[in-house]
Amino acid sequence: MPHFKDVATINIHFQPFQLYPDLPTGNHEGIDKQGWREDMASWKWPDKTADELQARRQALKDAWEKEGLELNFSGPTLQPQGKVGNSMDAQRLIMLARDQGREDAMIEAIYTANHVQNQCLSDWSVLTAAAAQAGVTGVDDMLRSDYGKAEHAAMVKHYRDIGINAVPVIVIDNKYPIFGCPETETIVEVFTQLVQTGTVSKI
C-alpha cells in the first residue's frame, strides 16, 4: 500500500451538510425522533415493508458495531429514541472547535450525544455539555452569534452543487466526492491521480 505523507499534505476535516434543513433550529428541544423517522420512511422508501425497514436498521447497527461503535437503536423493532432537530448549530460548533484545535474531540462528543445517547442537536444544553466534554470554550457566545452561519450556508450550497444529496461522502480537495464508504483501494487511486496529474479523471 503506497504512502503519501512524503509527497502531499493531507488534512482530514468534518464538513457541514444538511439532509433535512427544515428540522427545527435555534435552541429547540426537537421533535420525536421515532415518529419523524417513520414519517420519513413513508415517503423515502414507500415500497419497503416494516420488516424490510427493520432489517435496514439492523444492518446499520451491525455495521457500526463492526467498527467498535454504538448506534442506539433499541426495542424489539430497533427504533431510535429521543428527539431530533436541526444540526446547523452543532456543525458551527465543530467549526469553533477546529479553530481551537479540538475538532476530533468535538465530533466524538457530538456523535456520542446524537447516536449513543439519543440527544437532540438543536438543544443548546446538549451542545454546551458536549463542548465541555471536548474542552471547547466560548460556546455560549458562539451560539448566540452569527459565527459560521455564512460559511455553513456556502459550504452546503457548494456540496449540493457538486451533486451531493446523501451521506456519508468523502470529498477530496473539496471537489471530488466519493459516495458511501469506499474501500481503501479507491481512496488510494484518487490520491494517486491527484499526486501524479493534479486532477481526478475517474472515481
C-alpha atoms as a PDB file:
ATOM      1  CA  MET A   1       0.000   0.000   0.000  1.00  0.00           C
ATOM      2  CA  PRO A   2       1.559   3.355  -1.021  1.00  0.00           C
ATOM      3  CA  HIS A   3       2.126   6.175   1.453  1.00  0.00           C
ATOM      4  CA  PHE A   4       1.508   9.811   0.550  1.00  0.00           C
ATOM      5  CA  LYS A   5       2.935  11.697   3.524  1.00  0.00           C
ATOM      6  CA  ASP A   6       6.190  12.424   1.698  1.00  0.00           C
ATOM      7  CA  VAL A   7       4.521  13.835  -1.414  1.00  0.00           C
ATOM      8  CA  ALA A   8       1.349  15.513  -0.169  1.00  0.00           C
ATOM      9  CA  THR A   9      -0.143  17.268   2.842  1.00  0.00           C
ATOM     10  CA  ILE A  10      -3.346  15.528   3.867  1.00  0.00           C
ATOM     11  CA  ASN A  11      -5.728  17.131   6.361  1.00  0.00           C
ATOM     12  CA  ILE A  12      -8.977  15.482   7.399  1.00  0.00           C
ATOM     13  CA  HIS A  13     -11.892  17.709   8.416  1.00  0.00           C
ATOM     14  CA  PHE A  14     -15.588  17.293   9.083  1.00  0.00           C
ATOM     15  CA  GLN A  15     -17.523  19.420   6.591  1.00  0.00           C
ATOM     16  CA  PRO A  16     -21.048  20.799   7.034  1.00  0.00           C
ATOM     17  CA  PHE A  17     -24.028  19.376   5.187  1.00  0.00           C
ATOM     18  CA  GLN A  18     -27.750  19.033   5.843  1.00  0.00           C
ATOM     19  CA  LEU A  19     -30.083  16.395   4.544  1.00  0.00           C
ATOM     20  CA  TYR A  20     -33.106  17.805   6.407  1.00  0.00           C
ATOM     21  CA  PRO A  21     -32.698  21.594   6.806  1.00  0.00           C
ATOM     22  CA  ASP A  22     -36.387  22.033   7.691  1.00  0.00           C
ATOM     23  CA  LEU A  23     -35.960  20.416  11.112  1.00  0.00           C
ATOM     24  CA  PRO A  24     -36.422  22.925  13.967  1.00  0.00           C
ATOM     25  CA  THR A  25     -33.407  25.034  14.881  1.00  0.00           C
ATOM     26  CA  GLY A  26     -32.381  27.763  17.331  1.00  0.00           C
ATOM     27  CA  ASN A  27     -32.212  26.149  20.794  1.00  0.00           C
ATOM     28  CA  HIS A  28     -35.208  23.931  20.089  1.00  0.00           C
ATOM     29  CA  GLU A  29     -35.930  20.764  22.075  1.00  0.00           C
ATOM     30  CA  GLY A  30     -36.647  18.958  18.799  1.00  0.00           C
ATOM     31  CA  ILE A  31     -39.402  16.622  17.675  1.00  0.00           C
ATOM     32  CA  ASP A  32     -39.972  12.940  18.360  1.00  0.00           C
ATOM     33  CA  LYS A  33     -37.245  11.040  16.539  1.00  0.00           C
ATOM     34  CA  GLN A  34     -39.108   7.779  16.067  1.00  0.00           C
ATOM     35  CA  GLY A  35     -42.212   9.464  14.671  1.00  0.00           C
ATOM     36  CA  TRP A  36     -40.120  11.641  12.377  1.00  0.00           C
ATOM     37  CA  ARG A  37     -38.203   8.636  11.025  1.00  0.00           C
ATOM     38  CA  GLU A  38     -41.442   6.722  10.431  1.00  0.00           C
ATOM     39  CA  ASP A  39     -42.880   9.670   8.505  1.00  0.00           C
ATOM     40  CA  MET A  40     -39.653   9.984   6.524  1.00  0.00           C
ATOM     41  CA  ALA A  41     -39.645   6.287   5.660  1.00  0.00           C
ATOM     42  CA  SER A  42     -43.201   6.555   4.306  1.00  0.00           C
ATOM     43  CA  TRP A  43     -42.108   8.930   1.531  1.00  0.00           C
ATOM     44  CA  LYS A  44     -38.459   7.966   1.159  1.00  0.00           C
ATOM     45  CA  TRP A  45     -38.984   4.197   0.909  1.00  0.00           C
ATOM     46  CA  PRO A  46     -42.732   3.838   0.222  1.00  0.00           C
ATOM     47  CA  ASP A  47     -42.375   0.328  -1.190  1.00  0.00           C
ATOM     48  CA  LYS A  48     -40.496  -1.157   1.765  1.00  0.00           C
ATOM     49  CA  THR A  49     -42.319  -3.195   4.393  1.00  0.00           C
ATOM     50  CA  ALA A  50     -41.894  -2.699   8.148  1.00  0.00           C
ATOM     51  CA  ASP A  51     -39.746  -5.839   8.249  1.00  0.00           C
ATOM     52  CA  GLU A  52     -37.512  -4.537   5.458  1.00  0.00           C
ATOM     53  CA  LEU A  53     -37.056  -1.216   7.231  1.00  0.00           C
ATOM     54  CA  GLN A  54     -36.195  -3.019  10.460  1.00  0.00           C
ATOM     55  CA  ALA A  55     -33.654  -5.152   8.582  1.00  0.00           C
ATOM     56  CA  ARG A  56     -32.144  -1.936   7.234  1.00  0.00           C
ATOM     57  CA  ARG A  57     -31.789  -0.557  10.756  1.00  0.00           C
ATOM     58  CA  GLN A  58     -30.277  -3.838  11.934  1.00  0.00           C
ATOM     59  CA  ALA A  59     -27.724  -3.801   9.122  1.00  0.00           C
ATOM     60  CA  LEU A  60     -26.746  -0.237  10.021  1.00  0.00           C
ATOM     61  CA  LYS A  61     -26.417  -1.101  13.704  1.00  0.00           C
ATOM     62  CA  ASP A  62     -24.315  -4.162  12.834  1.00  0.00           C
ATOM     63  CA  ALA A  63     -22.043  -2.094  10.600  1.00  0.00           C
ATOM     64  CA  TRP A  64     -21.415   0.350  13.435  1.00  0.00           C
ATOM     65  CA  GLU A  65     -20.696  -2.471  15.887  1.00  0.00           C
ATOM     66  CA  LYS A  66     -18.212  -3.998  13.444  1.00  0.00           C
ATOM     67  CA  GLU A  67     -16.206  -0.774  13.751  1.00  0.00           C
ATOM     68  CA  GLY A  68     -16.465  -0.770  17.550  1.00  0.00           C
ATOM     69  CA  LEU A  69     -19.170   1.919  17.577  1.00  0.00           C
ATOM     70  CA  GLU A  70     -22.546   2.042  19.257  1.00  0.00           C
ATOM     71  CA  LEU A  71     -25.719   3.061  17.438  1.00  0.00           C
ATOM     72  CA  ASN A  72     -28.574   3.275  19.916  1.00  0.00           C
ATOM     73  CA  PHE A  73     -31.488   1.666  18.116  1.00  0.00           C
ATOM     74  CA  SER A  74     -33.497  -0.027  20.857  1.00  0.00           C
ATOM     75  CA  GLY A  75     -36.602  -2.074  21.472  1.00  0.00           C
ATOM     76  CA  PRO A  76     -37.906  -5.070  19.524  1.00  0.00           C
ATOM     77  CA  THR A  77     -38.086  -3.093  16.259  1.00  0.00           C
ATOM     78  CA  LEU A  78     -34.776  -1.248  16.722  1.00  0.00           C
ATOM     79  CA  GLN A  79     -36.192   2.266  16.795  1.00  0.00           C
ATOM     80  CA  PRO A  80     -34.240   5.395  17.804  1.00  0.00           C
ATOM     81  CA  GLN A  81     -35.487   7.207  20.886  1.00  0.00           C
ATOM     82  CA  GLY A  82     -35.459  10.831  21.997  1.00  0.00           C
ATOM     83  CA  LYS A  83     -35.781  13.977  19.901  1.00  0.00           C
ATOM     84  CA  VAL A  84     -34.296  15.188  16.612  1.00  0.00           C
ATOM     85  CA  GLY A  85     -33.617  18.742  15.471  1.00  0.00           C
ATOM     86  CA  ASN A  86     -31.600  20.814  13.047  1.00  0.00           C
ATOM     87  CA  SER A  87     -27.845  20.148  13.164  1.00  0.00           C
ATOM     88  CA  MET A  88     -26.622  23.549  11.928  1.00  0.00           C
ATOM     89  CA  ASP A  89     -25.569  24.787  15.368  1.00  0.00           C
ATOM     90  CA  ALA A  90     -23.744  21.517  16.041  1.00  0.00           C
ATOM     91  CA  GLN A  91     -21.869  21.964  12.784  1.00  0.00           C
ATOM     92  CA  ARG A  92     -20.998  25.566  13.690  1.00  0.00           C
ATOM     93  CA  LEU A  93     -19.698  24.228  16.990  1.00  0.00           C
ATOM     94  CA  ILE A  94     -17.382  21.880  15.106  1.00  0.00           C
ATOM     95  CA  MET A  95     -16.040  24.891  13.202  1.00  0.00           C
ATOM     96  CA  LEU A  96     -15.332  26.627  16.519  1.00  0.00           C
ATOM     97  CA  ALA A  97     -13.638  23.501  17.828  1.00  0.00           C
ATOM     98  CA  ARG A  98     -11.433  23.375  14.721  1.00  0.00           C
ATOM     99  CA  ASP A  99     -10.299  26.942  15.432  1.00  0.00           C
ATOM    100  CA  GLN A 100      -9.283  25.753  18.907  1.00  0.00           C
ATOM    101  CA  GLY A 101      -7.563  22.560  17.738  1.00  0.00           C
ATOM    102  CA  ARG A 102     -10.308  20.368  19.268  1.00  0.00           C
ATOM    103  CA  GLU A 103     -12.192  19.248  16.157  1.00  0.00           C
ATOM    104  CA  ASP A 104     -11.805  15.480  16.624  1.00  0.00           C
ATOM    105  CA  ALA A 105     -12.824  15.615  20.288  1.00  0.00           C
ATOM    106  CA  MET A 106     -15.832  17.778  19.416  1.00  0.00           C
ATOM    107  CA  ILE A 107     -17.018  15.414  16.694  1.00  0.00           C
ATOM    108  CA  GLU A 108     -16.670  12.462  19.069  1.00  0.00           C
ATOM    109  CA  ALA A 109     -18.741  14.253  21.724  1.00  0.00           C
ATOM    110  CA  ILE A 110     -21.449  15.304  19.252  1.00  0.00           C
ATOM    111  CA  TYR A 111     -21.750  11.864  17.644  1.00  0.00           C
ATOM    112  CA  THR A 112     -21.930  10.256  21.078  1.00  0.00           C
ATOM    113  CA  ALA A 113     -24.679  12.642  22.159  1.00  0.00           C
ATOM    114  CA  ASN A 114     -26.657  12.072  18.966  1.00  0.00           C
ATOM    115  CA  HIS A 115     -26.191   8.392  18.154  1.00  0.00           C
ATOM    116  CA  VAL A 116     -25.445   6.795  21.534  1.00  0.00           C
ATOM    117  CA  GLN A 117     -27.367   8.979  23.977  1.00  0.00           C
ATOM    118  CA  ASN A 118     -30.151   9.933  21.517  1.00  0.00           C
ATOM    119  CA  GLN A 119     -29.894  13.603  22.467  1.00  0.00           C
ATOM    120  CA  CYS A 120     -31.136  16.414  20.258  1.00  0.00           C
ATOM    121  CA  LEU A 121     -28.540  18.511  18.439  1.00  0.00           C
ATOM    122  CA  SER A 122     -30.752  21.604  18.221  1.00  0.00           C
ATOM    123  CA  ASP A 123     -30.845  21.730  22.045  1.00  0.00           C
ATOM    124  CA  TRP A 124     -28.135  24.160  23.140  1.00  0.00           C
ATOM    125  CA  SER A 125     -27.783  22.490  26.552  1.00  0.00           C
ATOM    126  CA  VAL A 126     -26.757  19.300  24.729  1.00  0.00           C
ATOM    127  CA  LEU A 127     -24.204  21.194  22.627  1.00  0.00           C
ATOM    128  CA  THR A 128     -22.836  23.052  25.662  1.00  0.00           C
ATOM    129  CA  ALA A 129     -22.321  19.785  27.535  1.00  0.00           C
ATOM    130  CA  ALA A 130     -20.637  18.188  24.504  1.00  0.00           C
ATOM    131  CA  ALA A 131     -18.334  21.199  24.153  1.00  0.00           C
ATOM    132  CA  ALA A 132     -17.343  20.994  27.811  1.00  0.00           C
ATOM    133  CA  GLN A 133     -16.507  17.329  27.327  1.00  0.00           C
ATOM    134  CA  ALA A 134     -14.355  18.211  24.300  1.00  0.00           C
ATOM    135  CA  GLY A 135     -12.628  21.136  26.025  1.00  0.00           C
ATOM    136  CA  VAL A 136     -14.063  23.775  23.678  1.00  0.00           C
ATOM    137  CA  THR A 137     -14.623  27.258  25.093  1.00  0.00           C
ATOM    138  CA  GLY A 138     -16.694  30.294  24.100  1.00  0.00           C
ATOM    139  CA  VAL A 139     -19.724  28.180  23.207  1.00  0.00           C
ATOM    140  CA  ASP A 140     -22.459  30.381  24.691  1.00  0.00           C
ATOM    141  CA  ASP A 141     -21.254  33.459  22.807  1.00  0.00           C
ATOM    142  CA  MET A 142     -20.882  31.460  19.589  1.00  0.00           C
ATOM    143  CA  LEU A 143     -24.397  30.006  19.746  1.00  0.00           C
ATOM    144  CA  ARG A 144     -25.917  33.462  20.225  1.00  0.00           C
ATOM    145  CA  SER A 145     -23.899  34.970  17.382  1.00  0.00           C
ATOM    146  CA  ASP A 146     -23.788  34.580  13.600  1.00  0.00           C
ATOM    147  CA  TYR A 147     -20.417  32.826  13.797  1.00  0.00           C
ATOM    148  CA  GLY A 148     -20.031  30.355  10.945  1.00  0.00           C
ATOM    149  CA  LYS A 149     -23.545  30.781   9.529  1.00  0.00           C
ATOM    150  CA  ALA A 150     -22.480  32.275   6.199  1.00  0.00           C
ATOM    151  CA  GLU A 151     -19.659  29.749   5.820  1.00  0.00           C
ATOM    152  CA  HIS A 152     -22.025  26.909   6.681  1.00  0.00           C
ATOM    153  CA  ALA A 153     -24.601  28.024   4.096  1.00  0.00           C
ATOM    154  CA  ALA A 154     -21.936  28.458   1.421  1.00  0.00           C
ATOM    155  CA  MET A 155     -20.429  25.020   2.049  1.00  0.00           C
ATOM    156  CA  VAL A 156     -23.812  23.275   1.997  1.00  0.00           C
ATOM    157  CA  LYS A 157     -24.643  25.004  -1.301  1.00  0.00           C
ATOM    158  CA  HIS A 158     -21.255  24.061  -2.749  1.00  0.00           C
ATOM    159  CA  TYR A 159     -21.688  20.394  -1.885  1.00  0.00           C
ATOM    160  CA  ARG A 160     -25.199  20.330  -3.320  1.00  0.00           C
ATOM    161  CA  ASP A 161     -23.869  21.992  -6.469  1.00  0.00           C
ATOM    162  CA  ILE A 162     -21.317  19.195  -6.973  1.00  0.00           C
ATOM    163  CA  GLY A 163     -24.049  16.593  -6.694  1.00  0.00           C
ATOM    164  CA  ILE A 164     -24.085  15.546  -3.053  1.00  0.00           C
ATOM    165  CA  ASN A 165     -27.551  14.607  -1.815  1.00  0.00           C
ATOM    166  CA  ALA A 166     -26.799  11.827   0.657  1.00  0.00           C
ATOM    167  CA  VAL A 167     -24.273  10.868   3.316  1.00  0.00           C
ATOM    168  CA  PRO A 168     -21.711   9.587   4.056  1.00  0.00           C
ATOM    169  CA  VAL A 169     -19.453  11.195   1.457  1.00  0.00           C
ATOM    170  CA  ILE A 170     -15.703  11.731   1.378  1.00  0.00           C
ATOM    171  CA  VAL A 171     -14.779  14.879  -0.548  1.00  0.00           C
ATOM    172  CA  ILE A 172     -11.188  15.098  -1.780  1.00  0.00           C
ATOM    173  CA  ASP A 173      -9.728  18.564  -2.426  1.00  0.00           C
ATOM    174  CA  ASN A 174     -13.196  19.955  -1.748  1.00  0.00           C
ATOM    175  CA  LYS A 175     -14.386  18.965  -5.233  1.00  0.00           C
ATOM    176  CA  TYR A 176     -14.118  15.202  -5.799  1.00  0.00           C
ATOM    177  CA  PRO A 177     -16.884  13.348  -3.926  1.00  0.00           C
ATOM    178  CA  ILE A 178     -16.617   9.641  -3.148  1.00  0.00           C
ATOM    179  CA  PHE A 179     -20.057   8.433  -2.114  1.00  0.00           C
ATOM    180  CA  GLY A 180     -20.691   5.886   0.611  1.00  0.00           C
ATOM    181  CA  CYS A 181     -17.901   4.101   2.480  1.00  0.00           C
ATOM    182  CA  PRO A 182     -15.211   3.458  -0.138  1.00  0.00           C
ATOM    183  CA  GLU A 183     -12.639   0.706   0.004  1.00  0.00           C
ATOM    184  CA  THR A 184      -9.078   1.763   0.802  1.00  0.00           C
ATOM    185  CA  GLU A 185      -8.051   0.975  -2.778  1.00  0.00           C
ATOM    186  CA  THR A 186     -10.488   3.589  -4.108  1.00  0.00           C
ATOM    187  CA  ILE A 187      -9.038   6.326  -1.904  1.00  0.00           C
ATOM    188  CA  VAL A 188      -5.505   5.312  -2.871  1.00  0.00           C
ATOM    189  CA  GLU A 189      -6.441   5.530  -6.557  1.00  0.00           C
ATOM    190  CA  VAL A 190      -7.855   9.050  -6.114  1.00  0.00           C
ATOM    191  CA  PHE A 191      -4.793  10.246  -4.191  1.00  0.00           C
ATOM    192  CA  THR A 192      -2.503   8.695  -6.799  1.00  0.00           C
ATOM    193  CA  GLN A 193      -4.278  10.512  -9.624  1.00  0.00           C
ATOM    194  CA  LEU A 194      -4.045  13.824  -7.749  1.00  0.00           C
ATOM    195  CA  VAL A 195      -0.345  13.419  -6.968  1.00  0.00           C
ATOM    196  CA  GLN A 196       0.544  12.353 -10.491  1.00  0.00           C
ATOM    197  CA  THR A 197      -1.702  14.613 -12.574  1.00  0.00           C
ATOM    198  CA  GLY A 198      -3.163  17.256 -10.264  1.00  0.00           C
ATOM    199  CA  THR A 199      -6.698  16.183 -11.098  1.00  0.00           C
ATOM    200  CA  VAL A 200      -9.052  13.186 -10.863  1.00  0.00           C
ATOM    201  CA  SER A 201     -10.367  11.714 -14.089  1.00  0.00           C
ATOM    202  CA  LYS A 202     -12.355   8.879 -12.580  1.00  0.00           C
ATOM    203  CA  ILE A 203     -13.539   7.606  -9.221  1.00  0.00           C
END
